[in-house]
Protein backbone atom coordinates (compact mmCIF):
# COMPACT_ATOMS: atom_id res chain seq x y z
CA MET A 1 53.43 -154.56 41.41
CA GLY A 2 50.44 -152.27 41.97
CA ILE A 3 49.95 -148.73 40.71
CA GLN A 4 51.10 -147.15 43.97
CA THR A 5 54.32 -149.16 44.07
CA TRP A 6 55.12 -148.44 40.44
CA THR A 7 54.41 -144.73 40.99
CA PHE A 8 56.72 -144.48 43.97
CA LEU A 9 59.42 -146.32 42.05
CA ILE A 10 59.27 -144.31 38.81
CA VAL A 11 58.64 -140.91 40.41
CA GLY A 12 61.37 -141.64 42.97
CA ILE A 13 63.90 -142.49 40.25
CA THR A 14 63.07 -139.36 38.25
CA PHE A 15 63.34 -137.13 41.31
CA LEU A 16 66.70 -138.59 42.27
CA LEU A 17 67.78 -137.90 38.69
CA TYR A 18 66.62 -134.26 38.88
CA ILE A 19 68.35 -133.70 42.21
CA GLY A 20 71.54 -135.33 40.98
CA VAL A 21 71.61 -133.16 37.85
CA ALA A 22 70.84 -130.02 39.91
CA ILE A 23 73.78 -130.76 42.24
CA TRP A 24 76.11 -131.59 39.32
CA ALA A 25 75.19 -128.37 37.51
CA LYS A 26 74.99 -126.13 40.57
CA ALA A 27 75.51 -122.46 39.73
CA GLY A 28 78.69 -121.00 41.14
CA SER A 29 78.42 -117.46 39.76
CA THR A 30 75.69 -114.95 38.93
CA LYS A 31 76.19 -115.57 35.20
CA GLU A 32 75.69 -119.29 35.70
CA PHE A 33 72.68 -118.60 37.93
CA TYR A 34 71.02 -116.22 35.46
CA VAL A 35 71.98 -117.58 32.00
CA ALA A 36 73.84 -120.87 32.67
CA GLY A 37 77.15 -119.20 31.81
CA GLY A 38 76.00 -118.65 28.19
CA GLY A 39 77.51 -121.95 27.09
CA VAL A 40 74.57 -124.32 26.56
CA SER A 41 74.51 -126.18 23.22
CA PRO A 42 71.61 -125.46 20.79
CA LEU A 43 70.29 -129.05 21.07
CA ALA A 44 70.29 -129.01 24.88
CA ASN A 45 68.81 -125.53 24.92
CA GLY A 46 66.10 -126.63 22.49
CA MET A 47 65.11 -129.46 24.80
CA ALA A 48 65.27 -127.23 27.88
CA THR A 49 63.18 -124.58 26.11
CA ALA A 50 60.59 -127.20 25.16
CA ALA A 51 60.39 -128.39 28.78
CA ASP A 52 60.20 -124.78 29.99
CA TRP A 53 57.51 -124.09 27.42
CA MET A 54 55.43 -127.24 27.88
CA SER A 55 54.16 -126.51 31.33
CA ALA A 56 51.43 -128.19 33.34
CA ALA A 57 49.06 -126.29 31.05
CA SER A 58 50.38 -128.14 28.00
CA TYR A 59 50.88 -131.54 29.61
CA LEU A 60 48.00 -131.77 32.07
CA SER A 61 45.42 -129.20 31.12
CA MET A 62 45.38 -128.62 27.36
CA ALA A 63 44.22 -132.12 26.38
CA GLY A 64 41.76 -132.00 29.29
CA LEU A 65 40.26 -128.74 28.05
CA ILE A 66 40.07 -130.03 24.48
CA SER A 67 38.38 -133.20 25.74
CA PHE A 68 35.59 -131.11 27.26
CA MET A 69 35.47 -128.23 24.75
CA GLY A 70 36.01 -130.24 21.57
CA TYR A 71 36.88 -128.17 18.51
CA ALA A 72 36.76 -124.91 20.46
CA GLY A 73 39.59 -126.12 22.71
CA GLY A 74 41.88 -125.88 19.71
CA GLN A 75 42.30 -122.18 20.47
CA TYR A 76 44.80 -123.10 23.20
CA LEU A 77 46.77 -125.37 20.91
CA MET A 78 46.82 -122.86 18.03
CA GLY A 79 47.61 -119.91 20.26
CA TRP A 80 50.55 -121.47 22.07
CA THR A 81 52.03 -123.08 18.94
CA GLY A 82 51.65 -119.97 16.81
CA GLY A 83 53.06 -117.85 19.61
CA TYR A 84 56.21 -119.91 19.83
CA VAL A 85 56.79 -119.49 16.07
CA LEU A 86 56.29 -115.74 16.50
CA LEU A 87 58.79 -115.70 19.36
CA ALA A 88 61.37 -117.71 17.45
CA LEU A 89 61.16 -115.59 14.29
CA LEU A 90 60.61 -112.06 15.59
CA PHE A 91 62.15 -111.86 19.02
CA ALA A 92 64.71 -114.50 19.97
CA PRO A 93 67.59 -113.66 17.58
CA TYR A 94 67.34 -109.90 18.10
CA LEU A 95 67.13 -110.08 21.86
CA ARG A 96 70.04 -112.52 21.95
CA LYS A 97 72.09 -110.18 19.80
CA PHE A 98 71.25 -107.33 22.15
CA GLY A 99 72.91 -109.36 24.89
CA LYS A 100 70.95 -108.54 28.03
CA PHE A 101 70.13 -111.12 30.72
CA THR A 102 66.48 -110.14 31.25
CA VAL A 103 63.54 -108.45 29.54
CA PRO A 104 63.63 -105.52 32.03
CA ASP A 105 67.34 -105.15 31.16
CA PHE A 106 66.47 -104.92 27.46
CA ILE A 107 63.68 -102.43 28.02
CA GLY A 108 65.79 -100.30 30.37
CA GLU A 109 68.65 -100.12 27.85
CA ARG A 110 66.51 -99.75 24.73
CA TYR A 111 64.39 -97.02 26.24
CA TYR A 112 67.35 -95.37 28.03
CA SER A 113 65.34 -95.18 31.23
CA LYS A 114 65.50 -96.60 34.74
CA GLN A 115 61.77 -95.89 35.02
CA ALA A 116 61.01 -98.05 31.96
CA GLN A 117 63.12 -100.82 33.46
CA LEU A 118 61.25 -100.58 36.76
CA VAL A 119 57.86 -100.80 35.04
CA ALA A 120 59.07 -103.83 33.07
CA LEU A 121 60.41 -105.38 36.27
CA ILE A 122 57.03 -105.08 37.99
CA CYS A 123 55.29 -106.52 34.92
CA ALA A 124 57.74 -109.45 34.76
CA ILE A 125 57.16 -110.37 38.39
CA PHE A 126 53.39 -110.05 38.01
CA VAL A 127 53.21 -112.13 34.82
CA SER A 128 55.60 -114.82 36.08
CA PHE A 129 53.85 -115.13 39.42
CA THR A 130 50.42 -115.56 37.77
CA TYR A 131 51.86 -118.21 35.46
CA CYS A 132 53.56 -119.95 38.38
CA VAL A 133 50.26 -120.22 40.28
CA GLY A 134 48.95 -122.37 37.42
CA GLN A 135 52.01 -124.61 37.59
CA MET A 136 51.65 -125.09 41.33
CA LYS A 137 48.05 -126.18 40.81
CA GLY A 138 49.34 -128.75 38.32
CA VAL A 139 51.94 -129.93 40.82
CA GLY A 140 49.17 -130.31 43.41
CA VAL A 141 46.98 -132.35 41.03
CA ALA A 142 49.85 -134.70 40.16
CA PHE A 143 50.94 -135.20 43.77
CA ALA A 144 47.32 -135.69 44.87
CA ARG A 145 47.08 -138.71 42.56
CA PHE A 146 50.62 -139.94 43.13
CA LEU A 147 50.35 -140.02 46.92
CA GLU A 148 46.56 -140.45 47.05
CA VAL A 149 46.16 -137.36 49.22
CA GLU A 150 44.01 -134.26 49.08
CA PHE A 151 44.87 -131.63 46.49
CA SER A 152 45.96 -129.12 49.16
CA THR A 153 48.42 -131.63 50.62
CA GLY A 154 49.82 -132.21 47.13
CA ILE A 155 50.46 -128.46 46.79
CA PHE A 156 52.48 -128.31 50.00
CA ILE A 157 54.60 -131.29 48.96
CA GLY A 158 55.21 -129.60 45.60
CA ILE A 159 56.37 -126.43 47.34
CA GLY A 160 59.09 -128.41 49.09
CA ILE A 161 60.33 -130.14 45.92
CA VAL A 162 60.43 -126.98 43.77
CA PHE A 163 62.13 -125.10 46.60
CA PHE A 164 64.99 -127.59 46.72
CA TYR A 165 66.18 -127.76 43.16
CA ALA A 166 65.25 -124.27 41.94
CA VAL A 167 66.99 -122.56 44.84
CA LEU A 168 70.07 -124.75 44.51
CA GLY A 169 70.78 -124.82 40.80
CA GLY A 170 69.80 -121.47 39.28
CA MET A 171 69.61 -121.35 35.47
CA LYS A 172 72.54 -123.73 34.99
CA GLY A 173 71.01 -126.42 37.19
CA ILE A 174 67.51 -125.74 35.85
CA THR A 175 68.68 -126.00 32.22
CA TYR A 176 70.16 -129.46 32.53
CA THR A 177 67.35 -130.60 34.81
CA GLN A 178 64.88 -129.46 32.13
CA VAL A 179 66.70 -131.47 29.47
CA THR A 180 66.14 -134.54 31.64
CA GLN A 181 62.53 -133.53 32.33
CA TYR A 182 61.76 -133.10 28.63
CA CYS A 183 62.91 -136.64 27.87
CA ILE A 184 60.72 -137.98 30.67
CA LEU A 185 57.62 -135.90 29.95
CA ILE A 186 57.53 -136.55 26.18
CA PHE A 187 58.01 -140.30 26.73
CA ALA A 188 55.33 -140.30 29.42
CA PHE A 189 52.90 -138.34 27.24
CA THR A 190 53.23 -140.37 24.04
CA VAL A 191 53.50 -143.94 25.39
CA PRO A 192 49.91 -144.14 26.76
CA ALA A 193 48.63 -142.39 23.62
CA ILE A 194 50.23 -145.11 21.48
CA PHE A 195 48.80 -147.86 23.75
CA ILE A 196 45.26 -146.43 23.61
CA SER A 197 45.40 -145.74 19.88
CA LEU A 198 46.29 -149.39 19.29
CA GLN A 199 43.59 -150.45 21.73
CA MET A 200 40.80 -148.38 20.16
CA VAL A 201 41.56 -148.33 16.42
CA GLY A 202 44.61 -150.55 15.92
CA ASN A 203 46.89 -147.71 14.78
CA PRO A 204 50.12 -146.94 16.69
CA LEU A 205 50.17 -143.27 15.60
CA PRO A 206 47.76 -141.32 17.85
CA GLN A 207 47.63 -138.37 15.45
CA ILE A 208 46.16 -140.67 12.79
CA GLY A 209 44.39 -142.99 15.20
CA MET A 210 42.02 -140.26 16.42
CA GLY A 211 40.49 -140.29 12.93
CA GLY A 212 40.52 -144.07 12.65
CA THR A 213 37.84 -146.75 12.58
CA MET A 214 36.88 -148.86 15.60
CA GLU A 215 36.34 -152.62 15.53
CA ASP A 216 32.63 -152.21 14.81
CA GLY A 217 33.41 -150.17 11.69
CA ILE A 218 32.34 -146.83 13.18
CA TYR A 219 34.70 -143.89 12.99
CA LEU A 220 36.01 -142.98 16.45
CA LEU A 221 34.99 -139.33 16.10
CA ASP A 222 31.49 -140.33 14.93
CA LYS A 223 31.21 -142.53 18.02
CA LEU A 224 32.27 -139.64 20.26
CA ASN A 225 29.84 -137.27 18.56
CA GLN A 226 26.97 -139.67 19.16
CA LEU A 227 27.89 -140.24 22.80
CA SER A 228 28.05 -136.46 23.33
CA VAL A 229 24.71 -135.75 21.66
CA ASP A 230 22.98 -138.54 23.60
CA LEU A 231 23.96 -136.79 26.84
CA GLY A 232 22.84 -133.36 25.68
CA PHE A 233 26.31 -132.02 24.82
CA ASN A 234 27.18 -130.49 21.45
CA GLU A 235 28.81 -132.71 18.86
CA TYR A 236 32.46 -133.00 19.81
CA THR A 237 33.61 -131.98 16.32
CA SER A 238 31.15 -129.09 15.90
CA SER A 239 33.07 -125.97 14.98
CA GLY A 240 31.81 -123.86 17.85
CA MET A 241 32.02 -120.83 15.60
CA ASN A 242 29.05 -119.28 17.35
CA ASP A 243 31.74 -117.72 19.57
CA ARG A 244 34.13 -116.41 16.95
CA VAL A 245 35.00 -113.42 19.09
CA ASN A 246 36.63 -115.50 21.82
CA MET A 247 38.14 -117.95 19.36
CA PHE A 248 40.03 -114.99 17.89
CA PHE A 249 40.80 -113.03 21.05
CA ILE A 250 41.96 -116.00 23.15
CA THR A 251 44.09 -117.40 20.32
CA MET A 252 45.73 -114.01 19.69
CA SER A 253 46.23 -113.36 23.40
CA LEU A 254 48.06 -116.68 23.76
CA MET A 255 50.15 -116.00 20.65
CA LEU A 256 51.16 -112.47 21.61
CA GLY A 257 51.63 -113.40 25.25
CA THR A 258 54.00 -116.17 24.21
CA ALA A 259 56.23 -113.65 22.50
CA GLY A 260 56.43 -111.61 25.67
CA LEU A 261 57.02 -114.31 28.27
CA PRO A 262 60.18 -113.48 30.22
CA HIS A 263 61.02 -117.06 31.26
CA VAL A 264 61.05 -118.27 27.63
CA ILE A 265 62.90 -115.27 26.23
CA VAL A 266 65.72 -115.64 28.77
CA ARG A 267 66.44 -119.15 27.43
CA PHE A 268 67.93 -117.61 24.28
CA PHE A 269 70.64 -115.93 26.36
CA THR A 270 72.01 -119.29 27.51
CA VAL A 271 73.60 -120.19 24.13
CA PRO A 272 76.98 -118.89 22.96
CA LYS A 273 75.99 -117.17 19.68
CA VAL A 274 73.05 -115.51 17.90
CA ARG A 275 73.03 -118.30 15.32
CA ASP A 276 72.73 -120.82 18.14
CA ALA A 277 69.62 -118.98 19.37
CA ARG A 278 67.97 -119.53 15.98
CA VAL A 279 69.02 -123.19 15.81
CA SER A 280 67.86 -123.92 19.36
CA ALA A 281 64.50 -122.27 18.54
CA GLY A 282 64.12 -124.70 15.63
CA TYR A 283 64.97 -127.69 17.80
CA ALA A 284 62.50 -126.53 20.44
CA LEU A 285 59.71 -126.18 17.87
CA PHE A 286 60.24 -129.80 16.79
CA PHE A 287 60.27 -131.04 20.38
CA ILE A 288 57.13 -129.05 21.20
CA ALA A 289 55.32 -130.36 18.11
CA LEU A 290 55.72 -133.94 19.32
CA LEU A 291 53.47 -133.18 22.28
CA TYR A 292 51.14 -130.65 20.67
CA THR A 293 50.15 -132.94 17.81
CA THR A 294 49.47 -135.76 20.28
CA ALA A 295 47.27 -133.75 22.67
CA PRO A 296 44.12 -133.65 20.46
CA ALA A 297 44.31 -137.43 20.06
CA ILE A 298 44.56 -137.96 23.81
CA ALA A 299 41.57 -135.65 24.25
CA VAL A 300 39.47 -137.79 21.89
CA PHE A 301 40.57 -141.07 23.48
CA VAL A 302 39.94 -140.03 27.08
CA ARG A 303 36.60 -138.34 26.37
CA THR A 304 35.30 -141.41 24.56
CA ASN A 305 36.43 -143.79 27.28
CA LEU A 306 35.13 -141.53 30.04
CA LEU A 307 31.63 -141.24 28.58
CA GLN A 308 31.43 -144.98 28.04
CA THR A 309 32.68 -145.70 31.58
CA VAL A 310 30.60 -143.35 33.76
CA SER A 311 27.47 -142.25 31.88
CA ASN A 312 24.29 -143.86 33.22
CA LYS A 313 26.31 -146.44 35.16
CA PRO A 314 25.72 -147.47 38.80
CA TYR A 315 27.96 -145.61 41.19
CA ALA A 316 28.67 -148.83 43.08
CA GLU A 317 30.23 -150.34 39.93
CA MET A 318 32.72 -147.55 39.31
CA PRO A 319 36.33 -148.77 38.90
CA ALA A 320 39.08 -148.12 41.43
CA TRP A 321 40.46 -145.04 39.65
CA PHE A 322 37.15 -143.23 40.22
CA SER A 323 37.30 -143.55 44.00
CA LYS A 324 40.99 -142.58 44.05
CA TRP A 325 40.22 -139.30 42.30
CA GLU A 326 37.25 -138.77 44.61
CA GLU A 327 39.66 -138.89 47.55
CA SER A 328 41.59 -136.00 46.01
CA LYS A 329 38.27 -134.09 45.69
CA LEU A 330 38.86 -133.50 41.99
CA ILE A 331 35.89 -135.73 41.09
CA SER A 332 32.60 -135.53 42.97
CA PHE A 333 29.28 -137.37 42.61
CA ASP A 334 26.05 -135.85 43.91
CA ASP A 335 23.18 -138.36 43.65
CA LYS A 336 20.39 -135.81 43.17
CA ASN A 337 17.64 -138.36 42.49
CA SER A 338 18.98 -140.97 44.97
CA ASP A 339 18.89 -143.80 42.41
CA GLY A 340 22.57 -144.73 42.72
CA VAL A 341 23.14 -144.17 38.99
CA ILE A 342 25.51 -141.50 37.68
CA GLN A 343 23.70 -138.96 35.54
CA TYR A 344 26.46 -137.23 33.61
CA VAL A 345 24.57 -134.86 31.32
CA ALA A 346 24.87 -131.38 29.87
CA ASN A 347 21.95 -129.94 31.84
CA PRO A 348 23.44 -128.45 35.06
CA SER A 349 20.25 -128.99 37.06
CA SER A 350 20.27 -132.74 36.31
CA ASN A 351 24.02 -133.39 36.13
CA GLU A 352 25.38 -135.37 39.09
CA LEU A 353 29.05 -135.63 38.21
CA THR A 354 31.70 -132.89 38.51
CA ILE A 355 35.12 -133.52 37.00
CA ASP A 356 38.14 -131.24 37.16
CA ASN A 357 39.45 -130.90 33.58
CA ASP A 358 43.02 -131.04 34.83
CA ILE A 359 42.83 -134.70 35.85
CA MET A 360 42.01 -136.05 32.39
CA VAL A 361 45.54 -136.72 31.17
CA LEU A 362 46.56 -138.35 34.45
CA ALA A 363 43.36 -140.40 34.59
CA ASN A 364 43.53 -141.35 30.90
CA PRO A 365 45.62 -144.57 31.24
CA GLU A 366 43.59 -145.68 34.28
CA ILE A 367 40.28 -145.22 32.45
CA ALA A 368 41.70 -147.25 29.54
CA ASN A 369 42.94 -150.02 31.89
CA LEU A 370 46.56 -149.69 30.83
CA PRO A 371 49.37 -151.42 32.78
CA ALA A 372 50.28 -149.97 36.18
CA TRP A 373 53.75 -148.85 35.04
CA VAL A 374 52.21 -146.71 32.28
CA ILE A 375 49.93 -145.00 34.80
CA ALA A 376 52.94 -144.29 37.02
CA LEU A 377 54.91 -142.99 34.04
CA VAL A 378 52.20 -140.43 33.22
CA VAL A 379 52.26 -139.13 36.79
CA ALA A 380 56.06 -138.72 36.57
CA GLY A 381 55.65 -136.84 33.28
CA GLY A 382 53.05 -134.52 34.76
CA LEU A 383 55.34 -133.67 37.64
CA ALA A 384 58.23 -133.09 35.20
CA ALA A 385 56.14 -130.67 33.11
CA ALA A 386 54.84 -128.67 36.06
CA LEU A 387 58.14 -128.55 37.94
CA SER A 388 60.26 -127.60 34.90
CA THR A 389 58.19 -124.53 34.07
CA ALA A 390 57.69 -123.55 37.70
CA ALA A 391 61.47 -123.49 38.11
CA GLY A 392 61.96 -121.30 35.04
CA LEU A 393 59.30 -118.86 36.20
CA LEU A 394 60.68 -118.68 39.70
CA LEU A 395 64.10 -117.91 38.28
CA VAL A 396 62.63 -114.94 36.38
CA ILE A 397 61.08 -113.66 39.60
CA ALA A 398 64.36 -114.10 41.47
CA THR A 399 66.36 -112.43 38.69
CA SER A 400 63.97 -109.50 38.54
CA ILE A 401 64.29 -108.93 42.27
CA SER A 402 68.00 -109.61 42.85
CA HIS A 403 69.49 -108.30 39.58
CA ASP A 404 67.03 -105.70 38.25
CA LEU A 405 65.73 -104.30 41.52
CA LEU A 406 68.47 -104.88 44.09
CA LYS A 407 71.59 -104.58 41.90
CA ASN A 408 70.33 -101.82 39.62
CA TYR A 409 68.33 -99.77 42.11
CA LEU A 410 68.64 -100.43 45.81
CA LYS A 411 72.21 -101.70 46.29
CA PRO A 412 74.37 -101.06 43.19
CA ASN A 413 77.52 -102.06 45.08
CA ILE A 414 76.24 -105.45 46.26
CA SER A 415 78.79 -108.24 45.85
CA GLU A 416 78.24 -111.13 43.44
CA LYS A 417 77.90 -113.48 46.41
CA GLY A 418 75.32 -111.19 48.01
CA GLU A 419 73.36 -110.93 44.77
CA LEU A 420 73.34 -114.71 44.41
CA ARG A 421 72.11 -115.09 47.99
CA ALA A 422 69.35 -112.53 47.36
CA ALA A 423 68.23 -114.42 44.25
CA ARG A 424 67.89 -117.65 46.22
CA VAL A 425 65.96 -115.93 49.00
CA ALA A 426 63.63 -114.40 46.39
CA ILE A 427 62.97 -117.84 44.86
CA ALA A 428 62.19 -119.27 48.27
CA TRP A 429 59.56 -116.63 49.00
CA ALA A 430 58.13 -116.87 45.48
CA VAL A 431 57.73 -120.67 45.78
CA LEU A 432 55.79 -120.29 49.01
CA ALA A 433 53.55 -117.48 47.72
CA ALA A 434 52.77 -119.24 44.41
CA GLY A 435 51.99 -122.49 46.21
CA LEU A 436 49.56 -120.81 48.60
CA ALA A 437 47.88 -118.99 45.71
CA GLY A 438 47.65 -122.30 43.82
CA LEU A 439 45.36 -123.67 46.56
CA ASN A 440 42.52 -121.61 45.09
CA PRO A 441 43.48 -120.61 41.54
CA PRO A 442 41.15 -118.53 39.32
CA GLY A 443 40.42 -121.43 36.97
CA PHE A 444 41.86 -124.63 35.51
CA VAL A 445 45.61 -124.74 34.91
CA ALA A 446 45.33 -123.75 31.24
CA GLU A 447 42.92 -120.93 32.10
CA VAL A 448 45.25 -119.51 34.75
CA VAL A 449 48.13 -119.73 32.29
CA ALA A 450 45.98 -118.00 29.65
CA LEU A 451 45.50 -115.12 32.09
CA ALA A 452 49.28 -114.87 32.50
CA PHE A 453 49.72 -114.84 28.73
CA GLY A 454 47.16 -112.05 28.49
CA LEU A 455 49.12 -110.01 31.02
CA ALA A 456 52.33 -110.65 29.06
CA ALA A 457 50.69 -109.65 25.78
CA SER A 458 49.24 -106.43 27.19
CA SER A 459 52.50 -105.34 28.84
CA PHE A 460 55.58 -106.64 27.01
CA PHE A 461 54.63 -107.41 23.41
CA PRO A 462 54.34 -103.81 22.09
CA ALA A 463 57.36 -102.60 24.08
CA ILE A 464 59.59 -105.38 22.73
CA ILE A 465 58.44 -105.45 19.12
CA LEU A 466 58.42 -101.66 18.78
CA GLY A 467 61.78 -101.58 20.53
CA ILE A 468 63.20 -103.83 17.80
CA PHE A 469 61.43 -102.52 14.71
CA ASP A 470 60.53 -98.86 15.40
CA LYS A 471 63.45 -96.44 15.82
CA ARG A 472 61.04 -93.64 16.69
CA MET A 473 59.61 -95.39 19.75
CA ASN A 474 60.79 -93.57 22.86
CA ARG A 475 60.70 -94.09 26.60
CA GLN A 476 57.59 -92.00 27.14
CA GLY A 477 55.61 -94.14 24.70
CA ALA A 478 56.90 -97.46 26.05
CA ILE A 479 56.26 -96.58 29.70
CA SER A 480 52.77 -95.18 29.02
CA GLY A 481 51.81 -98.18 26.89
CA MET A 482 53.00 -100.80 29.39
CA ILE A 483 51.26 -99.16 32.33
CA VAL A 484 47.95 -98.63 30.54
CA GLY A 485 47.97 -102.10 28.96
CA ILE A 486 48.66 -104.15 32.08
CA VAL A 487 46.44 -102.03 34.36
CA PHE A 488 43.49 -102.35 31.98
CA THR A 489 43.99 -106.12 31.58
CA THR A 490 44.47 -106.72 35.31
CA ILE A 491 41.33 -104.79 36.27
CA TYR A 492 39.26 -106.60 33.64
CA ILE A 493 40.49 -110.03 34.80
CA TRP A 494 39.89 -109.17 38.46
CA TYR A 495 36.40 -107.79 37.82
CA PHE A 496 35.20 -110.82 35.89
CA LYS A 497 36.87 -113.56 37.98
CA PRO A 498 34.80 -114.36 41.10
CA GLN A 499 37.69 -116.46 42.48
CA LEU A 500 39.63 -113.18 42.75
CA GLY A 501 36.76 -111.34 44.40
CA GLY A 502 35.39 -109.80 41.22
CA ILE A 503 31.69 -109.01 40.93
CA GLY A 504 31.28 -109.01 37.13
CA THR A 505 29.20 -111.56 35.25
CA PRO A 506 29.61 -112.96 31.72
CA GLU A 507 26.73 -110.79 30.58
CA GLY A 508 28.95 -107.76 31.19
CA TYR A 509 31.93 -108.87 29.09
CA TRP A 510 33.13 -106.12 26.75
CA PHE A 511 32.24 -107.22 23.22
CA GLY A 512 31.71 -110.68 24.70
CA ILE A 513 35.46 -111.14 25.38
CA LYS A 514 36.29 -113.59 28.19
CA PRO A 515 39.05 -112.70 30.69
CA GLU A 516 41.30 -115.32 29.05
CA GLY A 517 41.24 -113.29 25.81
CA ILE A 518 41.26 -109.72 27.08
CA GLY A 519 45.05 -109.52 26.76
CA THR A 520 44.57 -109.00 23.00
CA LEU A 521 42.54 -105.87 23.59
CA GLY A 522 44.99 -104.77 26.30
CA MET A 523 47.83 -105.20 23.81
CA LEU A 524 46.04 -103.07 21.18
CA ILE A 525 45.43 -100.34 23.75
CA ASN A 526 49.08 -100.51 24.81
CA LEU A 527 50.21 -100.31 21.17
CA ALA A 528 47.96 -97.34 20.38
CA VAL A 529 49.00 -95.41 23.49
CA ALA A 530 52.70 -96.13 22.91
CA VAL A 531 52.67 -95.00 19.28
CA VAL A 532 50.61 -91.86 19.90
CA VAL A 533 52.64 -90.76 22.93
CA SER A 534 55.95 -91.42 21.16
CA ARG A 535 54.90 -89.23 18.23
CA LEU A 536 53.87 -86.39 20.52
CA THR A 537 57.16 -86.41 22.46
CA PRO A 538 60.83 -86.02 21.44
CA PRO A 539 62.46 -88.87 19.51
CA PRO A 540 65.04 -91.14 21.16
CA PRO A 541 68.70 -90.07 21.15
CA VAL A 542 70.60 -90.75 17.93
CA ASP A 543 72.79 -93.41 19.56
CA VAL A 544 69.68 -95.33 20.62
CA GLN A 545 68.26 -95.14 17.09
CA ASN A 546 71.56 -96.44 15.71
CA MET A 547 71.52 -99.24 18.27
CA VAL A 548 68.04 -100.30 17.11
CA GLU A 549 69.24 -100.28 13.52
CA ASN A 550 72.26 -102.41 14.39
CA ILE A 551 70.18 -105.04 16.21
CA ARG A 552 68.57 -105.98 12.90
CA ILE A 553 71.77 -106.09 10.82
CA PRO A 554 73.28 -109.60 10.58
CA ARG A 555 76.85 -109.92 11.82
CA GLY A 556 79.37 -109.59 8.97
CA ALA A 557 76.96 -107.59 6.83
CA GLY A 558 78.77 -104.28 7.34
CA ALA A 559 81.09 -104.60 4.34
CA ALA A 560 78.22 -105.54 2.03
CA ILE A 561 76.19 -102.55 3.21
CA GLU A 562 79.09 -100.15 2.67
CA HIS A 563 79.49 -101.29 -0.92
């Protein structure tokens, strides 16, 4: 069978599986819709969290960015991995013990203020929507290759698929669908990496194979360095420490943003006990590590194969995969000197080839001439990664609107059935809006996601961590900090992103900080404003201070403390 037939077969089977699971686990109550009834096992929740966490940015875009950026691309890997550890250790157990469905719920209760909850609600919708735009771009890229259609057509198909199973299942359906999606995406990500590692260096472990020796006795990384230098690029393994500012700020923004992402935090409310939240966080970290340690190897493999395939080669001799990606308009060749030979070089004035970073993982098995079923498997994995996270994000948006806004503000007496209906309507509109925005996103998938993480860092991180560890933090400080942090970060991103209509140029970056890293500075501003304002205004009520103290006391520790 050909690639197209295999792709239809494998993607079709996986989609039938997702739909079947979504129908089987359909939410029948608001608790099942919001937190899956609170009865998910730690192992299943760990897998679902990993799928929720490993979005299109992790599966499709991260290895692609590393393949083009080399060492410097490690900031995405370090930031997201470190951020998850931060989330698991500092936030998950305490928030689970607090027992609220959503981050706005926590902030409203902790800061004894409807106004604080409303600010958090707006931030949650804003952050989740930005993140979801990146996922919809990933869905479009995967469908463009799968169906051999234009990227925009792929987006519209993705809108329909996400709409169906996110609207139907709620958190209960999404949780068990994500368990299935994790199994598919991790298998699809690692299988081609193992194939190519064996092909290039004879080692079945990609993590070791990327540092292995090729048949001619040359180290793979030395070969890649030489290919890069010959075309005018920097050595692939050069440290890139000439831009230490952004290495730090982007890494920290991703780490701190991770700890404030509403769609990940809510996963720790789906398990029965606080201990289960800790255990599921450990499982998730293991499942995430399987992909994150493989991504750098895939980046090395695909970059090496790409340079050897297209550089200084006649356009007429390009393999079939090249023309397929051209049809999606994610690869373009402009023969500037009309010699029919592809000049893929670092100099922009001479370069004739434009490649979207986000296609590298999907194109990887095709470039390496792997079997058709492996190519189809990777497409199915890409769709699983993008769809799983998109569903989780859309649920946060729906929850924020139906539960936090409608139930708590506009219609307190709304019935459970009415609230559930409102949540599904909210998801439907969010799917459509995110899909349309994904047609022209402000960057590659990982870059768009980095912007969302920056918004999360600058809005939620100080409010949550101070809410857990600082009894003196009050509502005035939290509200002021969140507003100042997210407004500053949003304006900076808008001003320096031409895709959003901004007029700023890189020469005007504050301290040289790119928009992807500005969330770190926004977080520091938020933190400073929150602490200063809280110290200049009355302290929280005594019962709130006692509540904060109790959040950090392990269950069953009361007797020991008394004695």
